[in-house]
Amino acid sequence: SDQLIEFELGIWALRTRTQFKLPQQSYEEWLSVYRDLL
């Protein structure tokens, strides 16, 4: 259900065309965590 929330928020952000920062920020944070761990 949490994954569904993230999916919905991502689609919402893309559709509004003004909120793309939200999924972009989420991805950048995950990538940063992965890079640091690696």
ModelCIF file with pLDDT and N, C-alpha, C, O atoms, coordinates in Angstrom:
data_MODEL
#
_entry.id   MODEL 
#
_entity.id                         1 
_entity.type                       polymer 
_entity.pdbx_number_of_molecules   1 
#
_entity_poly.entity_id                      1 
_entity_poly.type                           'polypeptide(L)' 
_entity_poly.nstd_linkage                   no 
_entity_poly.nstd_monomer                   no 
_entity_poly.pdbx_seq_one_letter_code       SDQLIEFELGIWALRTRTQFKLPQQSYEEWLSVYRDLL 
_entity_poly.pdbx_seq_one_letter_code_can   SDQLIEFELGIWALRTRTQFKLPQQSYEEWLSVYRDLL 
_entity_poly.pdbx_strand_id                 A 
#
loop_
_entity_poly_seq.entity_id 
_entity_poly_seq.num 
_entity_poly_seq.mon_id 
_entity_poly_seq.hetero 
1 1  SER n 
1 2  ASP n 
1 3  GLN n 
1 4  LEU n 
1 5  ILE n 
1 6  GLU n 
1 7  PHE n 
1 8  GLU n 
1 9  LEU n 
1 10 GLY n 
1 11 ILE n 
1 12 TRP n 
1 13 ALA n 
1 14 LEU n 
1 15 ARG n 
1 16 THR n 
1 17 ARG n 
1 18 THR n 
1 19 GLN n 
1 20 PHE n 
1 21 LYS n 
1 22 LEU n 
1 23 PRO n 
1 24 GLN n 
1 25 GLN n 
1 26 SER n 
1 27 TYR n 
1 28 GLU n 
1 29 GLU n 
1 30 TRP n 
1 31 LEU n 
1 32 SER n 
1 33 VAL n 
1 34 TYR n 
1 35 ARG n 
1 36 ASP n 
1 37 LEU n 
1 38 LEU n 
#
_struct_asym.id          A 
_struct_asym.entity_id   1 
#
loop_
_ma_qa_metric.id 
_ma_qa_metric.mode 
_ma_qa_metric.name 
_ma_qa_metric.software_group_id 
_ma_qa_metric.type 
1 global pLDDT . pLDDT 
2 local  pLDDT . pLDDT 
#
_ma_qa_metric_global.metric_id      1 
_ma_qa_metric_global.metric_value   84.47 
_ma_qa_metric_global.model_id       1 
_ma_qa_metric_global.ordinal_id     1 
#
loop_
_ma_qa_metric_local.label_asym_id 
_ma_qa_metric_local.label_comp_id 
_ma_qa_metric_local.label_seq_id 
_ma_qa_metric_local.metric_id 
_ma_qa_metric_local.metric_value 
_ma_qa_metric_local.model_id 
_ma_qa_metric_local.ordinal_id 
A SER 1  2 85.00 1 1  
A ASP 2  2 86.00 1 2  
A GLN 3  2 83.00 1 3  
A LEU 4  2 84.00 1 4  
A ILE 5  2 87.00 1 5  
A GLU 6  2 86.00 1 6  
A PHE 7  2 84.00 1 7  
A GLU 8  2 85.00 1 8  
A LEU 9  2 86.00 1 9  
A GLY 10 2 84.00 1 10 
A ILE 11 2 83.00 1 11 
A TRP 12 2 83.00 1 12 
A ALA 13 2 82.00 1 13 
A LEU 14 2 81.00 1 14 
A ARG 15 2 82.00 1 15 
A THR 16 2 78.00 1 16 
A ARG 17 2 70.00 1 17 
A THR 18 2 69.00 1 18 
A GLN 19 2 70.00 1 19 
A PHE 20 2 70.00 1 20 
A LYS 21 2 76.00 1 21 
A LEU 22 2 76.00 1 22 
A PRO 23 2 78.00 1 23 
A GLN 24 2 80.00 1 24 
A GLN 25 2 82.00 1 25 
A SER 26 2 83.00 1 26 
A TYR 27 2 85.00 1 27 
A GLU 28 2 90.00 1 28 
A GLU 29 2 90.00 1 29 
A TRP 30 2 91.00 1 30 
A LEU 31 2 93.00 1 31 
A SER 32 2 94.00 1 32 
A VAL 33 2 95.00 1 33 
A TYR 34 2 95.00 1 34 
A ARG 35 2 96.00 1 35 
A ASP 36 2 96.00 1 36 
A LEU 37 2 96.00 1 37 
A LEU 38 2 96.00 1 38 
#
loop_
_atom_site.group_PDB 
_atom_site.id 
_atom_site.type_symbol 
_atom_site.label_atom_id 
_atom_site.label_alt_id 
_atom_site.label_comp_id 
_atom_site.label_asym_id 
_atom_site.label_entity_id 
_atom_site.label_seq_id 
_atom_site.pdbx_PDB_ins_code 
_atom_site.Cartn_x 
_atom_site.Cartn_y 
_atom_site.Cartn_z 
_atom_site.occupancy 
_atom_site.B_iso_or_equiv 
_atom_site.pdbx_formal_charge 
_atom_site.auth_seq_id 
_atom_site.auth_comp_id 
_atom_site.auth_asym_id 
_atom_site.auth_atom_id 
_atom_site.pdbx_PDB_model_num 
ATOM 1   N N  . SER A 1 1  ? 0.832  -1.207 0.000   1.00 85.00 ? 1  SER A N  1 
ATOM 2   C CA . SER A 1 1  ? 0.000  0.000  0.000   1.00 85.00 ? 1  SER A CA 1 
ATOM 3   C C  . SER A 1 1  ? 0.867  1.257  0.000   1.00 85.00 ? 1  SER A C  1 
ATOM 4   O O  . SER A 1 1  ? 0.481  2.271  -0.582  1.00 85.00 ? 1  SER A O  1 
ATOM 5   N N  . ASP A 1 2  ? 2.031  1.205  0.644   1.00 86.00 ? 2  ASP A N  1 
ATOM 6   C CA . ASP A 1 2  ? 2.947  2.350  0.592   1.00 86.00 ? 2  ASP A CA 1 
ATOM 7   C C  . ASP A 1 2  ? 3.525  2.527  -0.806  1.00 86.00 ? 2  ASP A C  1 
ATOM 8   O O  . ASP A 1 2  ? 3.726  3.654  -1.258  1.00 86.00 ? 2  ASP A O  1 
ATOM 9   N N  . GLN A 1 3  ? 3.792  1.417  -1.493  1.00 83.00 ? 3  GLN A N  1 
ATOM 10  C CA . GLN A 1 3  ? 4.290  1.524  -2.871  1.00 83.00 ? 3  GLN A CA 1 
ATOM 11  C C  . GLN A 1 3  ? 3.225  2.144  -3.776  1.00 83.00 ? 3  GLN A C  1 
ATOM 12  O O  . GLN A 1 3  ? 3.538  2.908  -4.689  1.00 83.00 ? 3  GLN A O  1 
ATOM 13  N N  . LEU A 1 4  ? 1.975  1.807  -3.511  1.00 84.00 ? 4  LEU A N  1 
ATOM 14  C CA . LEU A 1 4  ? 0.875  2.390  -4.273  1.00 84.00 ? 4  LEU A CA 1 
ATOM 15  C C  . LEU A 1 4  ? 0.792  3.899  -4.029  1.00 84.00 ? 4  LEU A C  1 
ATOM 16  O O  . LEU A 1 4  ? 0.533  4.665  -4.958  1.00 84.00 ? 4  LEU A O  1 
ATOM 17  N N  . ILE A 1 5  ? 1.009  4.321  -2.795  1.00 87.00 ? 5  ILE A N  1 
ATOM 18  C CA . ILE A 1 5  ? 1.025  5.755  -2.483  1.00 87.00 ? 5  ILE A CA 1 
ATOM 19  C C  . ILE A 1 5  ? 2.094  6.453  -3.318  1.00 87.00 ? 5  ILE A C  1 
ATOM 20  O O  . ILE A 1 5  ? 1.821  7.478  -3.944  1.00 87.00 ? 5  ILE A O  1 
ATOM 21  N N  . GLU A 1 6  ? 3.306  5.904  -3.331  1.00 86.00 ? 6  GLU A N  1 
ATOM 22  C CA . GLU A 1 6  ? 4.392  6.523  -4.095  1.00 86.00 ? 6  GLU A CA 1 
ATOM 23  C C  . GLU A 1 6  ? 4.064  6.558  -5.583  1.00 86.00 ? 6  GLU A C  1 
ATOM 24  O O  . GLU A 1 6  ? 4.334  7.550  -6.262  1.00 86.00 ? 6  GLU A O  1 
ATOM 25  N N  . PHE A 1 7  ? 3.485  5.481  -6.083  1.00 84.00 ? 7  PHE A N  1 
ATOM 26  C CA . PHE A 1 7  ? 3.104  5.412  -7.489  1.00 84.00 ? 7  PHE A CA 1 
ATOM 27  C C  . PHE A 1 7  ? 2.067  6.497  -7.797  1.00 84.00 ? 7  PHE A C  1 
ATOM 28  O O  . PHE A 1 7  ? 2.193  7.216  -8.788  1.00 84.00 ? 7  PHE A O  1 
ATOM 29  N N  . GLU A 1 8  ? 1.057  6.609  -6.954  1.00 85.00 ? 8  GLU A N  1 
ATOM 30  C CA . GLU A 1 8  ? 0.012  7.611  -7.162  1.00 85.00 ? 8  GLU A CA 1 
ATOM 31  C C  . GLU A 1 8  ? 0.567  9.027  -7.083  1.00 85.00 ? 8  GLU A C  1 
ATOM 32  O O  . GLU A 1 8  ? 0.213  9.881  -7.895  1.00 85.00 ? 8  GLU A O  1 
ATOM 33  N N  . LEU A 1 9  ? 1.432  9.277  -6.109  1.00 86.00 ? 9  LEU A N  1 
ATOM 34  C CA . LEU A 1 9  ? 2.024  10.610 -5.993  1.00 86.00 ? 9  LEU A CA 1 
ATOM 35  C C  . LEU A 1 9  ? 2.866  10.944 -7.225  1.00 86.00 ? 9  LEU A C  1 
ATOM 36  O O  . LEU A 1 9  ? 2.864  12.082 -7.695  1.00 86.00 ? 9  LEU A O  1 
ATOM 37  N N  . GLY A 1 10 ? 3.583  9.950  -7.742  1.00 84.00 ? 10 GLY A N  1 
ATOM 38  C CA . GLY A 1 10 ? 4.386  10.176 -8.945  1.00 84.00 ? 10 GLY A CA 1 
ATOM 39  C C  . GLY A 1 10 ? 3.532  10.512 -10.153 1.00 84.00 ? 10 GLY A C  1 
ATOM 40  O O  . GLY A 1 10 ? 3.851  11.434 -10.903 1.00 84.00 ? 10 GLY A O  1 
ATOM 41  N N  . ILE A 1 11 ? 2.446  9.771  -10.348 1.00 83.00 ? 11 ILE A N  1 
ATOM 42  C CA . ILE A 1 11 ? 1.538  10.037 -11.469 1.00 83.00 ? 11 ILE A CA 1 
ATOM 43  C C  . ILE A 1 11 ? 0.888  11.412 -11.307 1.00 83.00 ? 11 ILE A C  1 
ATOM 44  O O  . ILE A 1 11 ? 0.774  12.169 -12.271 1.00 83.00 ? 11 ILE A O  1 
ATOM 45  N N  . TRP A 1 12 ? 0.464  11.726 -10.081 1.00 83.00 ? 12 TRP A N  1 
ATOM 46  C CA . TRP A 1 12 ? -0.131 13.040 -9.808  1.00 83.00 ? 12 TRP A CA 1 
ATOM 47  C C  . TRP A 1 12 ? 0.851  14.156 -10.157 1.00 83.00 ? 12 TRP A C  1 
ATOM 48  O O  . TRP A 1 12 ? 0.480  15.140 -10.796 1.00 83.00 ? 12 TRP A O  1 
ATOM 49  N N  . ALA A 1 13 ? 2.098  13.997 -9.737  1.00 82.00 ? 13 ALA A N  1 
ATOM 50  C CA . ALA A 1 13 ? 3.106  15.023 -10.002 1.00 82.00 ? 13 ALA A CA 1 
ATOM 51  C C  . ALA A 1 13 ? 3.335  15.199 -11.501 1.00 82.00 ? 13 ALA A C  1 
ATOM 52  O O  . ALA A 1 13 ? 3.480  16.323 -11.982 1.00 82.00 ? 13 ALA A O  1 
ATOM 53  N N  . LEU A 1 14 ? 3.368  14.093 -12.235 1.00 81.00 ? 14 LEU A N  1 
ATOM 54  C CA . LEU A 1 14 ? 3.554  14.185 -13.684 1.00 81.00 ? 14 LEU A CA 1 
ATOM 55  C C  . LEU A 1 14 ? 2.355  14.850 -14.361 1.00 81.00 ? 14 LEU A C  1 
ATOM 56  O O  . LEU A 1 14 ? 2.521  15.643 -15.288 1.00 81.00 ? 14 LEU A O  1 
ATOM 57  N N  . ARG A 1 15 ? 1.165  14.528 -13.901 1.00 82.00 ? 15 ARG A N  1 
ATOM 58  C CA . ARG A 1 15 ? -0.036 15.083 -14.527 1.00 82.00 ? 15 ARG A CA 1 
ATOM 59  C C  . ARG A 1 15 ? -0.210 16.569 -14.252 1.00 82.00 ? 15 ARG A C  1 
ATOM 60  O O  . ARG A 1 15 ? -0.705 17.303 -15.107 1.00 82.00 ? 15 ARG A O  1 
ATOM 61  N N  . THR A 1 16 ? 0.189  17.014 -13.081 1.00 78.00 ? 16 THR A N  1 
ATOM 62  C CA . THR A 1 16 ? 0.025  18.438 -12.778 1.00 78.00 ? 16 THR A CA 1 
ATOM 63  C C  . THR A 1 16 ? 1.010  19.278 -13.588 1.00 78.00 ? 16 THR A C  1 
ATOM 64  O O  . THR A 1 16 ? 0.785  20.468 -13.811 1.00 78.00 ? 16 THR A O  1 
ATOM 65  N N  . ARG A 1 17 ? 2.091  18.658 -14.020 1.00 70.00 ? 17 ARG A N  1 
ATOM 66  C CA . ARG A 1 17 ? 3.145  19.302 -14.806 1.00 70.00 ? 17 ARG A CA 1 
ATOM 67  C C  . ARG A 1 17 ? 3.853  20.433 -14.074 1.00 70.00 ? 17 ARG A C  1 
ATOM 68  O O  . ARG A 1 17 ? 4.756  21.065 -14.622 1.00 70.00 ? 17 ARG A O  1 
ATOM 69  N N  . THR A 1 18 ? 3.452  20.683 -12.859 1.00 69.00 ? 18 THR A N  1 
ATOM 70  C CA . THR A 1 18 ? 4.124  21.715 -12.073 1.00 69.00 ? 18 THR A CA 1 
ATOM 71  C C  . THR A 1 18 ? 4.784  21.125 -10.834 1.00 69.00 ? 18 THR A C  1 
ATOM 72  O O  . THR A 1 18 ? 5.514  21.822 -10.130 1.00 69.00 ? 18 THR A O  1 
ATOM 73  N N  . GLN A 1 19 ? 4.535  19.859 -10.565 1.00 70.00 ? 19 GLN A N  1 
ATOM 74  C CA . GLN A 1 19 ? 5.009  19.242 -9.333  1.00 70.00 ? 19 GLN A CA 1 
ATOM 75  C C  . GLN A 1 19 ? 6.041  18.141 -9.586  1.00 70.00 ? 19 GLN A C  1 
ATOM 76  O O  . GLN A 1 19 ? 6.217  17.255 -8.750  1.00 70.00 ? 19 GLN A O  1 
ATOM 77  N N  . PHE A 1 20 ? 6.723  18.189 -10.730 1.00 70.00 ? 20 PHE A N  1 
ATOM 78  C CA . PHE A 1 20 ? 7.636  17.105 -11.058 1.00 70.00 ? 20 PHE A CA 1 
ATOM 79  C C  . PHE A 1 20 ? 8.753  16.962 -10.031 1.00 70.00 ? 20 PHE A C  1 
ATOM 80  O O  . PHE A 1 20 ? 9.393  15.915 -9.944  1.00 70.00 ? 20 PHE A O  1 
ATOM 81  N N  . LYS A 1 21 ? 8.982  18.009 -9.261  1.00 76.00 ? 21 LYS A N  1 
ATOM 82  C CA . LYS A 1 21 ? 10.028 17.977 -8.242  1.00 76.00 ? 21 LYS A CA 1 
ATOM 83  C C  . LYS A 1 21 ? 9.845  16.807 -7.271  1.00 76.00 ? 21 LYS A C  1 
ATOM 84  O O  . LYS A 1 21 ? 10.827 16.238 -6.795  1.00 76.00 ? 21 LYS A O  1 
ATOM 85  N N  . LEU A 1 22 ? 8.596  16.449 -6.976  1.00 76.00 ? 22 LEU A N  1 
ATOM 86  C CA . LEU A 1 22 ? 8.335  15.408 -5.979  1.00 76.00 ? 22 LEU A CA 1 
ATOM 87  C C  . LEU A 1 22 ? 8.923  14.049 -6.365  1.00 76.00 ? 22 LEU A C  1 
ATOM 88  O O  . LEU A 1 22 ? 9.732  13.514 -5.606  1.00 76.00 ? 22 LEU A O  1 
ATOM 89  N N  . PRO A 1 23 ? 8.551  13.461 -7.521  1.00 78.00 ? 23 PRO A N  1 
ATOM 90  C CA . PRO A 1 23 ? 9.161  12.168 -7.854  1.00 78.00 ? 23 PRO A CA 1 
ATOM 91  C C  . PRO A 1 23 ? 10.650 12.288 -8.161  1.00 78.00 ? 23 PRO A C  1 
ATOM 92  O O  . PRO A 1 23 ? 11.426 11.377 -7.874  1.00 78.00 ? 23 PRO A O  1 
ATOM 93  N N  . GLN A 1 24 ? 11.040 13.408 -8.742  1.00 80.00 ? 24 GLN A N  1 
ATOM 94  C CA . GLN A 1 24 ? 12.461 13.611 -9.056  1.00 80.00 ? 24 GLN A CA 1 
ATOM 95  C C  . GLN A 1 24 ? 13.282 13.623 -7.772  1.00 80.00 ? 24 GLN A C  1 
ATOM 96  O O  . GLN A 1 24 ? 14.348 13.011 -7.706  1.00 80.00 ? 24 GLN A O  1 
ATOM 97  N N  . GLN A 1 25 ? 12.790 14.313 -6.764  1.00 82.00 ? 25 GLN A N  1 
ATOM 98  C CA . GLN A 1 25 ? 13.477 14.383 -5.475  1.00 82.00 ? 25 GLN A CA 1 
ATOM 99  C C  . GLN A 1 25 ? 13.545 13.007 -4.828  1.00 82.00 ? 25 GLN A C  1 
ATOM 100 O O  . GLN A 1 25 ? 14.576 12.629 -4.271  1.00 82.00 ? 25 GLN A O  1 
ATOM 101 N N  . SER A 1 26 ? 12.450 12.258 -4.900  1.00 83.00 ? 26 SER A N  1 
ATOM 102 C CA . SER A 1 26 ? 12.414 10.912 -4.324  1.00 83.00 ? 26 SER A CA 1 
ATOM 103 C C  . SER A 1 26 ? 13.457 10.015 -4.990  1.00 83.00 ? 26 SER A C  1 
ATOM 104 O O  . SER A 1 26 ? 14.196 9.305  -4.309  1.00 83.00 ? 26 SER A O  1 
ATOM 105 N N  . TYR A 1 27 ? 13.515 10.051 -6.327  1.00 85.00 ? 27 TYR A N  1 
ATOM 106 C CA . TYR A 1 27 ? 14.490 9.237  -7.049  1.00 85.00 ? 27 TYR A CA 1 
ATOM 107 C C  . TYR A 1 27 ? 15.914 9.642  -6.688  1.00 85.00 ? 27 TYR A C  1 
ATOM 108 O O  . TYR A 1 27 ? 16.769 8.788  -6.451  1.00 85.00 ? 27 TYR A O  1 
ATOM 109 N N  . GLU A 1 28 ? 16.163 10.946 -6.646  1.00 90.00 ? 28 GLU A N  1 
ATOM 110 C CA . GLU A 1 28 ? 17.518 11.408 -6.338  1.00 90.00 ? 28 GLU A CA 1 
ATOM 111 C C  . GLU A 1 28 ? 17.943 10.971 -4.941  1.00 90.00 ? 28 GLU A C  1 
ATOM 112 O O  . GLU A 1 28 ? 19.105 10.628 -4.722  1.00 90.00 ? 28 GLU A O  1 
ATOM 113 N N  . GLU A 1 29 ? 17.003 10.982 -3.995  1.00 90.00 ? 29 GLU A N  1 
ATOM 114 C CA . GLU A 1 29 ? 17.337 10.539 -2.642  1.00 90.00 ? 29 GLU A CA 1 
ATOM 115 C C  . GLU A 1 29 ? 17.680 9.053  -2.616  1.00 90.00 ? 29 GLU A C  1 
ATOM 116 O O  . GLU A 1 29 ? 18.654 8.649  -1.981  1.00 90.00 ? 29 GLU A O  1 
ATOM 117 N N  . TRP A 1 30 ? 16.871 8.229  -3.315  1.00 91.00 ? 30 TRP A N  1 
ATOM 118 C CA . TRP A 1 30 ? 17.161 6.792  -3.366  1.00 91.00 ? 30 TRP A CA 1 
ATOM 119 C C  . TRP A 1 30 ? 18.504 6.549  -4.053  1.00 91.00 ? 30 TRP A C  1 
ATOM 120 O O  . TRP A 1 30 ? 19.304 5.748  -3.571  1.00 91.00 ? 30 TRP A O  1 
ATOM 121 N N  . LEU A 1 31 ? 18.759 7.226  -5.164  1.00 93.00 ? 31 LEU A N  1 
ATOM 122 C CA . LEU A 1 31 ? 20.033 7.050  -5.862  1.00 93.00 ? 31 LEU A CA 1 
ATOM 123 C C  . LEU A 1 31 ? 21.205 7.457  -4.976  1.00 93.00 ? 31 LEU A C  1 
ATOM 124 O O  . LEU A 1 31 ? 22.247 6.801  -4.987  1.00 93.00 ? 31 LEU A O  1 
ATOM 125 N N  . SER A 1 32 ? 21.044 8.520  -4.219  1.00 94.00 ? 32 SER A N  1 
ATOM 126 C CA . SER A 1 32 ? 22.104 8.966  -3.319  1.00 94.00 ? 32 SER A CA 1 
ATOM 127 C C  . SER A 1 32 ? 22.388 7.920  -2.246  1.00 94.00 ? 32 SER A C  1 
ATOM 128 O O  . SER A 1 32 ? 23.546 7.646  -1.932  1.00 94.00 ? 32 SER A O  1 
ATOM 129 N N  . VAL A 1 33 ? 21.327 7.333  -1.681  1.00 95.00 ? 33 VAL A N  1 
ATOM 130 C CA . VAL A 1 33 ? 21.504 6.268  -0.675  1.00 95.00 ? 33 VAL A CA 1 
ATOM 131 C C  . VAL A 1 33 ? 22.240 5.088  -1.296  1.00 95.00 ? 33 VAL A C  1 
ATOM 132 O O  . VAL A 1 33 ? 23.181 4.561  -0.702  1.00 95.00 ? 33 VAL A O  1 
ATOM 133 N N  . TYR A 1 34 ? 21.821 4.673  -2.480  1.00 95.00 ? 34 TYR A N  1 
ATOM 134 C CA . TYR A 1 34 ? 22.460 3.534  -3.156  1.00 95.00 ? 34 TYR A CA 1 
ATOM 135 C C  . TYR A 1 34 ? 23.926 3.828  -3.454  1.00 95.00 ? 34 TYR A C  1 
ATOM 136 O O  . TYR A 1 34 ? 24.793 2.991  -3.207  1.00 95.00 ? 34 TYR A O  1 
ATOM 137 N N  . ARG A 1 35 ? 24.201 5.023  -3.986  1.00 96.00 ? 35 ARG A N  1 
ATOM 138 C CA . ARG A 1 35 ? 25.591 5.372  -4.312  1.00 96.00 ? 35 ARG A CA 1 
ATOM 139 C C  . ARG A 1 35 ? 26.466 5.347  -3.058  1.00 96.00 ? 35 ARG A C  1 
ATOM 140 O O  . ARG A 1 35 ? 27.576 4.815  -3.080  1.00 96.00 ? 35 ARG A O  1 
ATOM 141 N N  . ASP A 1 36 ? 25.959 5.925  -1.967  1.00 96.00 ? 36 ASP A N  1 
ATOM 142 C CA . ASP A 1 36 ? 26.739 5.954  -0.721  1.00 96.00 ? 36 ASP A CA 1 
ATOM 143 C C  . ASP A 1 36 ? 27.024 4.540  -0.211  1.00 96.00 ? 36 ASP A C  1 
ATOM 144 O O  . ASP A 1 36 ? 28.137 4.238  0.218   1.00 96.00 ? 36 ASP A O  1 
ATOM 145 N N  . LEU A 1 37 ? 26.006 3.681  -0.265  1.00 96.00 ? 37 LEU A N  1 
ATOM 146 C CA . LEU A 1 37 ? 26.191 2.303  0.196   1.00 96.00 ? 37 LEU A CA 1 
ATOM 147 C C  . LEU A 1 37 ? 27.179 1.547  -0.684  1.00 96.00 ? 37 LEU A C  1 
ATOM 148 O O  . LEU A 1 37 ? 28.013 0.794  -0.181  1.00 96.00 ? 37 LEU A O  1 
ATOM 149 N N  . LEU A 1 38 ? 27.088 1.741  -1.976  1.00 96.00 ? 38 LEU A N  1 
ATOM 150 C CA . LEU A 1 38 ? 28.009 1.062  -2.893  1.00 96.00 ? 38 LEU A CA 1 
ATOM 151 C C  . LEU A 1 38 ? 29.440 1.561  -2.696  1.00 96.00 ? 38 LEU A C  1 
ATOM 152 O O  . LEU A 1 38 ? 30.354 1.102  -3.382  1.00 96.00 ? 38 LEU A O  1 
#
